[in-house]
PDB file of N, CA and C in Angstrom:
ATOM      1  N   UNK A   1       0.844  -1.190   0.000  1.00  0.00           N
ATOM      2  CA  UNK A   1       0.000   0.000   0.000  1.00  0.00           C
ATOM      3  C   UNK A   1       0.882   1.243   0.000  1.00  0.00           C
ATOM      4  N   UNK A   2       0.898   1.932  -1.086  1.00  0.00           N
ATOM      5  CA  UNK A   2       1.719   3.134  -1.157  1.00  0.00           C
ATOM      6  C   UNK A   2       0.967   4.343  -0.627  1.00  0.00           C
ATOM      7  N   UNK A   3       1.712   5.398  -0.360  1.00  0.00           N
ATOM      8  CA  UNK A   3       1.106   6.631   0.122  1.00  0.00           C
ATOM      9  C   UNK A   3       1.011   6.745   1.623  1.00  0.00           C
ATOM     10  N   UNK A   4       1.409   5.714   2.335  1.00  0.00           N
ATOM     11  CA  UNK A   4       1.365   5.766   3.792  1.00  0.00           C
ATOM     12  C   UNK A   4       2.641   6.415   4.313  1.00  0.00           C
ATOM     13  N   UNK A   5       2.486   7.296   5.283  1.00  0.00           N
ATOM     14  CA  UNK A   5       3.625   8.011   5.867  1.00  0.00           C
ATOM     15  C   UNK A   5       4.418   7.118   6.822  1.00  0.00           C
ATOM     16  N   UNK A   6       3.727   6.230   7.534  1.00  0.00           N
ATOM     17  CA  UNK A   6       4.359   5.370   8.527  1.00  0.00           C
ATOM     18  C   UNK A   6       4.393   3.931   8.032  1.00  0.00           C
ATOM     19  N   UNK A   7       5.348   3.159   8.545  1.00  0.00           N
ATOM     20  CA  UNK A   7       5.510   1.767   8.142  1.00  0.00           C
ATOM     21  C   UNK A   7       5.222   0.836   9.312  1.00  0.00           C
ATOM     22  N   UNK A   8       4.805  -0.379   8.993  1.00  0.00           N
ATOM     23  CA  UNK A   8       4.567  -1.395  10.017  1.00  0.00           C
ATOM     24  C   UNK A   8       5.852  -1.590  10.817  1.00  0.00           C
ATOM     25  N   UNK A   9       5.715  -1.605  12.136  1.00  0.00           N
ATOM     26  CA  UNK A   9       6.855  -1.774  13.029  1.00  0.00           C
ATOM     27  C   UNK A   9       7.457  -0.466  13.509  1.00  0.00           C
ATOM     28  N   UNK A  10       7.072   0.645  12.883  1.00  0.00           N
ATOM     29  CA  UNK A  10       7.600   1.948  13.280  1.00  0.00           C
ATOM     30  C   UNK A  10       6.985   2.392  14.596  1.00  0.00           C
ATOM     31  N   UNK A  11       7.773   3.092  15.417  1.00  0.00           N
ATOM     32  CA  UNK A  11       7.296   3.603  16.698  1.00  0.00           C
ATOM     33  C   UNK A  11       6.857   5.050  16.534  1.00  0.00           C
ATOM     34  N   UNK A  12       5.670   5.360  17.072  1.00  0.00           N
ATOM     35  CA  UNK A  12       5.089   6.698  16.976  1.00  0.00           C
ATOM     36  C   UNK A  12       4.549   7.116  18.335  1.00  0.00           C
ATOM     37  N   UNK A  13       4.165   8.367  18.434  1.00  0.00           N
ATOM     38  CA  UNK A  13       3.489   8.874  19.618  1.00  0.00           C
ATOM     39  C   UNK A  13       2.269   9.654  19.161  1.00  0.00           C
ATOM     40  N   UNK A  14       1.251   9.715  19.996  1.00  0.00           N
ATOM     41  CA  UNK A  14       0.055  10.472  19.660  1.00  0.00           C
ATOM     42  C   UNK A  14       0.305  11.952  19.874  1.00  0.00           C
ATOM     43  N   UNK A  15      -0.333  12.773  19.085  1.00  0.00           N
ATOM     44  CA  UNK A  15      -0.208  14.220  19.256  1.00  0.00           C
ATOM     45  C   UNK A  15      -0.844  14.635  20.575  1.00  0.00           C
ATOM     46  N   UNK A  16      -0.341  15.673  21.230  1.00  0.00           N
ATOM     47  CA  UNK A  16      -0.853  16.105  22.536  1.00  0.00           C
ATOM     48  C   UNK A  16      -2.355  16.363  22.560  1.00  0.00           C
ATOM     49  N   UNK A  17      -2.932  16.914  21.495  1.00  0.00           N
ATOM     50  CA  UNK A  17      -4.370  17.179  21.476  1.00  0.00           C
ATOM     51  C   UNK A  17      -5.162  15.893  21.632  1.00  0.00           C
ATOM     52  N   UNK A  18      -4.750  14.835  20.941  1.00  0.00           N
ATOM     53  CA  UNK A  18      -5.448  13.556  21.043  1.00  0.00           C
ATOM     54  C   UNK A  18      -5.272  12.952  22.431  1.00  0.00           C
ATOM     55  N   UNK A  19      -4.082  13.100  23.012  1.00  0.00           N
ATOM     56  CA  UNK A  19      -3.839  12.567  24.345  1.00  0.00           C
ATOM     57  C   UNK A  19      -4.738  13.248  25.364  1.00  0.00           C
ATOM     58  N   UNK A  20      -4.933  14.549  25.210  1.00  0.00           N
ATOM     59  CA  UNK A  20      -5.722  15.312  26.162  1.00  0.00           C
ATOM     60  C   UNK A  20      -7.186  14.855  26.174  1.00  0.00           C
ATOM     61  N   UNK A  21      -7.712  14.496  25.019  1.00  0.00           N
ATOM     62  CA  UNK A  21      -9.120  14.102  24.933  1.00  0.00           C
ATOM     63  C   UNK A  21      -9.326  12.597  25.009  1.00  0.00           C
ATOM     64  N   UNK A  22      -8.248  11.856  25.187  1.00  0.00           N
ATOM     65  CA  UNK A  22      -8.348  10.411  25.293  1.00  0.00           C
ATOM     66  C   UNK A  22      -9.035  10.021  26.595  1.00  0.00           C
ATOM     67  N   UNK A  23      -9.820   8.963  26.539  1.00  0.00           N
ATOM     68  CA  UNK A  23     -10.505   8.464  27.733  1.00  0.00           C
ATOM     69  C   UNK A  23      -9.523   7.815  28.703  1.00  0.00           C
ATOM     70  N   UNK A  24      -8.396   7.375  28.180  1.00  0.00           N
ATOM     71  CA  UNK A  24      -7.442   6.626  28.994  1.00  0.00           C
ATOM     72  C   UNK A  24      -6.101   7.349  29.012  1.00  0.00           C
ATOM     73  N   UNK A  25      -5.720   7.837  30.157  1.00  0.00           N
ATOM     74  CA  UNK A  25      -4.454   8.550  30.289  1.00  0.00           C
ATOM     75  C   UNK A  25      -3.281   7.655  29.907  1.00  0.00           C
ATOM     76  N   UNK A  26      -3.396   6.364  30.159  1.00  0.00           N
ATOM     77  CA  UNK A  26      -2.287   5.463  29.888  1.00  0.00           C
ATOM     78  C   UNK A  26      -2.032   5.301  28.393  1.00  0.00           C
ATOM     79  N   UNK A  27      -2.893   5.857  27.543  1.00  0.00           N
ATOM     80  CA  UNK A  27      -2.686   5.738  26.106  1.00  0.00           C
ATOM     81  C   UNK A  27      -1.639   6.717  25.583  1.00  0.00           C
ATOM     82  N   UNK A  28      -1.183   7.623  26.424  1.00  0.00           N
ATOM     83  CA  UNK A  28      -0.089   8.497  26.025  1.00  0.00           C
ATOM     84  C   UNK A  28       1.199   7.683  26.032  1.00  0.00           C
ATOM     85  N   UNK A  29       2.126   8.030  25.178  1.00  0.00           N
ATOM     86  CA  UNK A  29       3.399   7.330  25.163  1.00  0.00           C
ATOM     87  C   UNK A  29       3.712   6.743  23.810  1.00  0.00           C
ATOM     88  N   UNK A  30       4.481   5.688  23.801  1.00  0.00           N
ATOM     89  CA  UNK A  30       4.962   5.071  22.571  1.00  0.00           C
ATOM     90  C   UNK A  30       3.974   4.033  22.048  1.00  0.00           C
ATOM     91  N   UNK A  31       3.782   4.043  20.735  1.00  0.00           N
ATOM     92  CA  UNK A  31       2.922   3.078  20.053  1.00  0.00           C
ATOM     93  C   UNK A  31       3.705   2.459  18.908  1.00  0.00           C
ATOM     94  N   UNK A  32       3.352   1.240  18.537  1.00  0.00           N
ATOM     95  CA  UNK A  32       3.941   0.566  17.386  1.00  0.00           C
ATOM     96  C   UNK A  32       2.879   0.404  16.318  1.00  0.00           C
ATOM     97  N   UNK A  33       3.224   0.733  15.065  1.00  0.00           N
ATOM     98  CA  UNK A  33       2.314   0.541  13.944  1.00  0.00           C
ATOM     99  C   UNK A  33       2.195  -0.954  13.696  1.00  0.00           C
ATOM    100  N   UNK A  34       0.973  -1.474  13.776  1.00  0.00           N
ATOM    101  CA  UNK A  34       0.729  -2.895  13.571  1.00  0.00           C
ATOM    102  C   UNK A  34       0.265  -3.191  12.143  1.00  0.00           C
ATOM    103  N   UNK A  35      -0.491  -2.238  11.569  1.00  0.00           N
ATOM    104  CA  UNK A  35      -1.085  -2.482  10.256  1.00  0.00           C
ATOM    105  C   UNK A  35      -1.506  -1.171   9.621  1.00  0.00           C
ATOM    106  N   UNK A  36      -1.337  -1.055   8.309  1.00  0.00           N
ATOM    107  CA  UNK A  36      -1.878   0.056   7.529  1.00  0.00           C
ATOM    108  C   UNK A  36      -3.257  -0.384   7.051  1.00  0.00           C
ATOM    109  N   UNK A  37      -4.270   0.402   7.346  1.00  0.00           N
ATOM    110  CA  UNK A  37      -5.638   0.013   7.023  1.00  0.00           C
ATOM    111  C   UNK A  37      -6.052   0.532   5.651  1.00  0.00           C
ATOM    112  N   UNK A  38      -6.796  -0.290   4.891  1.00  0.00           N
ATOM    113  CA  UNK A  38      -7.255   0.157   3.577  1.00  0.00           C
ATOM    114  C   UNK A  38      -8.264   1.293   3.700  1.00  0.00           C
ATOM    115  N   UNK A  39      -8.304   2.158   2.679  1.00  0.00           N
ATOM    116  CA  UNK A  39      -9.215   3.291   2.719  1.00  0.00           C
ATOM    117  C   UNK A  39      -9.596   3.702   1.298  1.00  0.00           C
ATOM    118  N   UNK A  40     -10.841   4.150   1.137  1.00  0.00           N
ATOM    119  CA  UNK A  40     -11.306   4.662  -0.150  1.00  0.00           C
ATOM    120  C   UNK A  40     -11.100   6.164  -0.252  1.00  0.00           C
ATOM    121  N   UNK A  41     -10.680   6.785   0.834  1.00  0.00           N
ATOM    122  CA  UNK A  41     -10.515   8.234   0.867  1.00  0.00           C
ATOM    123  C   UNK A  41      -9.039   8.602   0.985  1.00  0.00           C
ATOM    124  N   UNK A  42      -8.744   9.886   1.077  1.00  0.00           N
ATOM    125  CA  UNK A  42      -7.357  10.331   1.232  1.00  0.00           C
ATOM    126  C   UNK A  42      -6.881  10.278   2.681  1.00  0.00           C
ATOM    127  N   UNK A  43      -7.761   9.908   3.619  1.00  0.00           N
ATOM    128  CA  UNK A  43      -7.367   9.772   5.021  1.00  0.00           C
ATOM    129  C   UNK A  43      -6.751   8.399   5.228  1.00  0.00           C
ATOM    130  N   UNK A  44      -5.544   8.380   5.736  1.00  0.00           N
ATOM    131  CA  UNK A  44      -4.851   7.115   6.012  1.00  0.00           C
ATOM    132  C   UNK A  44      -5.007   6.768   7.483  1.00  0.00           C
ATOM    133  N   UNK A  45      -5.310   5.512   7.768  1.00  0.00           N
ATOM    134  CA  UNK A  45      -5.485   5.067   9.149  1.00  0.00           C
ATOM    135  C   UNK A  45      -4.597   3.853   9.407  1.00  0.00           C
ATOM    136  N   UNK A  46      -4.265   3.681  10.679  1.00  0.00           N
ATOM    137  CA  UNK A  46      -3.367   2.611  11.105  1.00  0.00           C
ATOM    138  C   UNK A  46      -3.918   1.947  12.359  1.00  0.00           C
ATOM    139  N   UNK A  47      -3.634   0.654  12.511  1.00  0.00           N
ATOM    140  CA  UNK A  47      -3.866  -0.012  13.789  1.00  0.00           C
ATOM    141  C   UNK A  47      -2.551   0.088  14.534  1.00  0.00           C
ATOM    142  N   UNK A  48      -2.614   0.650  15.750  1.00  0.00           N
ATOM    143  CA  UNK A  48      -1.412   0.828  16.561  1.00  0.00           C
ATOM    144  C   UNK A  48      -1.586   0.129  17.906  1.00  0.00           C
ATOM    145  N   UNK A  49      -0.459  -0.295  18.487  1.00  0.00           N
ATOM    146  CA  UNK A  49      -0.476  -0.952  19.803  1.00  0.00           C
ATOM    147  C   UNK A  49       0.351  -0.129  20.781  1.00  0.00           C
ATOM    148  N   UNK A  50      -0.234   0.146  21.941  1.00  0.00           N
ATOM    149  CA  UNK A  50       0.470   0.857  23.000  1.00  0.00           C
ATOM    150  C   UNK A  50       1.595  -0.035  23.499  1.00  0.00           C
ATOM    151  N   UNK A  51       2.817   0.488  23.484  1.00  0.00           N
ATOM    152  CA  UNK A  51       3.967  -0.314  23.909  1.00  0.00           C
ATOM    153  C   UNK A  51       3.970  -0.587  25.413  1.00  0.00           C
ATOM    154  N   UNK A  52       3.251   0.221  26.178  1.00  0.00           N
ATOM    155  CA  UNK A  52       3.220   0.043  27.626  1.00  0.00           C
ATOM    156  C   UNK A  52       2.220  -0.989  28.104  1.00  0.00           C
ATOM    157  N   UNK A  53       1.000  -0.945  27.551  1.00  0.00           N
ATOM    158  CA  UNK A  53      -0.039  -1.837  28.078  1.00  0.00           C
ATOM    159  C   UNK A  53      -0.609  -2.807  27.043  1.00  0.00           C
ATOM    160  N   UNK A  54      -0.188  -2.710  25.787  1.00  0.00           N
ATOM    161  CA  UNK A  54      -0.613  -3.654  24.768  1.00  0.00           C
ATOM    162  C   UNK A  54      -1.975  -3.380  24.146  1.00  0.00           C
ATOM    163  N   UNK A  55      -2.659  -2.335  24.591  1.00  0.00           N
ATOM    164  CA  UNK A  55      -3.966  -2.018  24.020  1.00  0.00           C
ATOM    165  C   UNK A  55      -3.800  -1.539  22.584  1.00  0.00           C
ATOM    166  N   UNK A  56      -4.737  -1.936  21.723  1.00  0.00           N
ATOM    167  CA  UNK A  56      -4.702  -1.521  20.333  1.00  0.00           C
ATOM    168  C   UNK A  56      -5.839  -0.572  20.027  1.00  0.00           C
ATOM    169  N   UNK A  57      -5.608   0.304  19.048  1.00  0.00           N
ATOM    170  CA  UNK A  57      -6.624   1.259  18.617  1.00  0.00           C
ATOM    171  C   UNK A  57      -6.342   1.648  17.181  1.00  0.00           C
ATOM    172  N   UNK A  58      -7.312   2.289  16.536  1.00  0.00           N
ATOM    173  CA  UNK A  58      -7.145   2.805  15.184  1.00  0.00           C
ATOM    174  C   UNK A  58      -6.906   4.308  15.283  1.00  0.00           C
ATOM    175  N   UNK A  59      -5.864   4.785  14.571  1.00  0.00           N
ATOM    176  CA  UNK A  59      -5.483   6.186  14.622  1.00  0.00           C
ATOM    177  C   UNK A  59      -5.256   6.671  13.192  1.00  0.00           C
ATOM    178  N   UNK A  60      -5.738   7.867  12.881  1.00  0.00           N
ATOM    179  CA  UNK A  60      -5.479   8.456  11.575  1.00  0.00           C
ATOM    180  C   UNK A  60      -4.060   9.019  11.525  1.00  0.00           C
ATOM    181  N   UNK A  61      -3.540   9.129  10.327  1.00  0.00           N
ATOM    182  CA  UNK A  61      -2.158   9.560  10.114  1.00  0.00           C
ATOM    183  C   UNK A  61      -1.854  10.921  10.754  1.00  0.00           C
ATOM    184  N   UNK A  62      -2.791  11.837  10.706  1.00  0.00           N
ATOM    185  CA  UNK A  62      -2.575  13.170  11.252  1.00  0.00           C
ATOM    186  C   UNK A  62      -2.640  13.258  12.754  1.00  0.00           C
ATOM    187  N   UNK A  63      -2.940  12.154  13.421  1.00  0.00           N
ATOM    188  CA  UNK A  63      -3.088  12.143  14.874  1.00  0.00           C
ATOM    189  C   UNK A  63      -1.844  11.637  15.599  1.00  0.00           C
ATOM    190  N   UNK A  64      -0.758  11.394  14.849  1.00  0.00           N
ATOM    191  CA  UNK A  64       0.453  10.875  15.477  1.00  0.00           C
ATOM    192  C   UNK A  64       1.671  11.426  14.756  1.00  0.00           C
ATOM    193  N   UNK A  65       2.816  11.238  15.407  1.00  0.00           N
ATOM    194  CA  UNK A  65       4.091  11.654  14.816  1.00  0.00           C
ATOM    195  C   UNK A  65       5.130  10.587  15.135  1.00  0.00           C
ATOM    196  N   UNK A  66       6.183  10.492  14.318  1.00  0.00           N
ATOM    197  CA  UNK A  66       7.206   9.469  14.584  1.00  0.00           C
ATOM    198  C   UNK A  66       8.013   9.807  15.829  1.00  0.00           C
ATOM    199  N   UNK A  67       8.465   8.778  16.512  1.00  0.00           N
ATOM    200  CA  UNK A  67       9.385   8.982  17.641  1.00  0.00           C
ATOM    201  C   UNK A  67      10.778   9.187  17.068  1.00  0.00           C
ATOM    202  N   UNK A  68      11.531  10.054  17.688  1.00  0.00           N
ATOM    203  CA  UNK A  68      12.893  10.359  17.194  1.00  0.00           C
ATOM    204  C   UNK A  68      13.840   9.224  17.466  1.00  0.00           C
TER     205      UNK A  68
END
């Protein structure tokens, strides 16, 4: 799947705005890209796993940034 900014296995973090409105404070921190999700639109989404607690969620490309 071309056009994706992030790759499977890459470590990312959620943007502060998303962390602030998250229901779970523990979702802040490092995440691993598990899968690039198919889409019919220009919005790219990913399944990510929290490296701390193992919880998975779907996040759009604009809601995260790569870890340095």
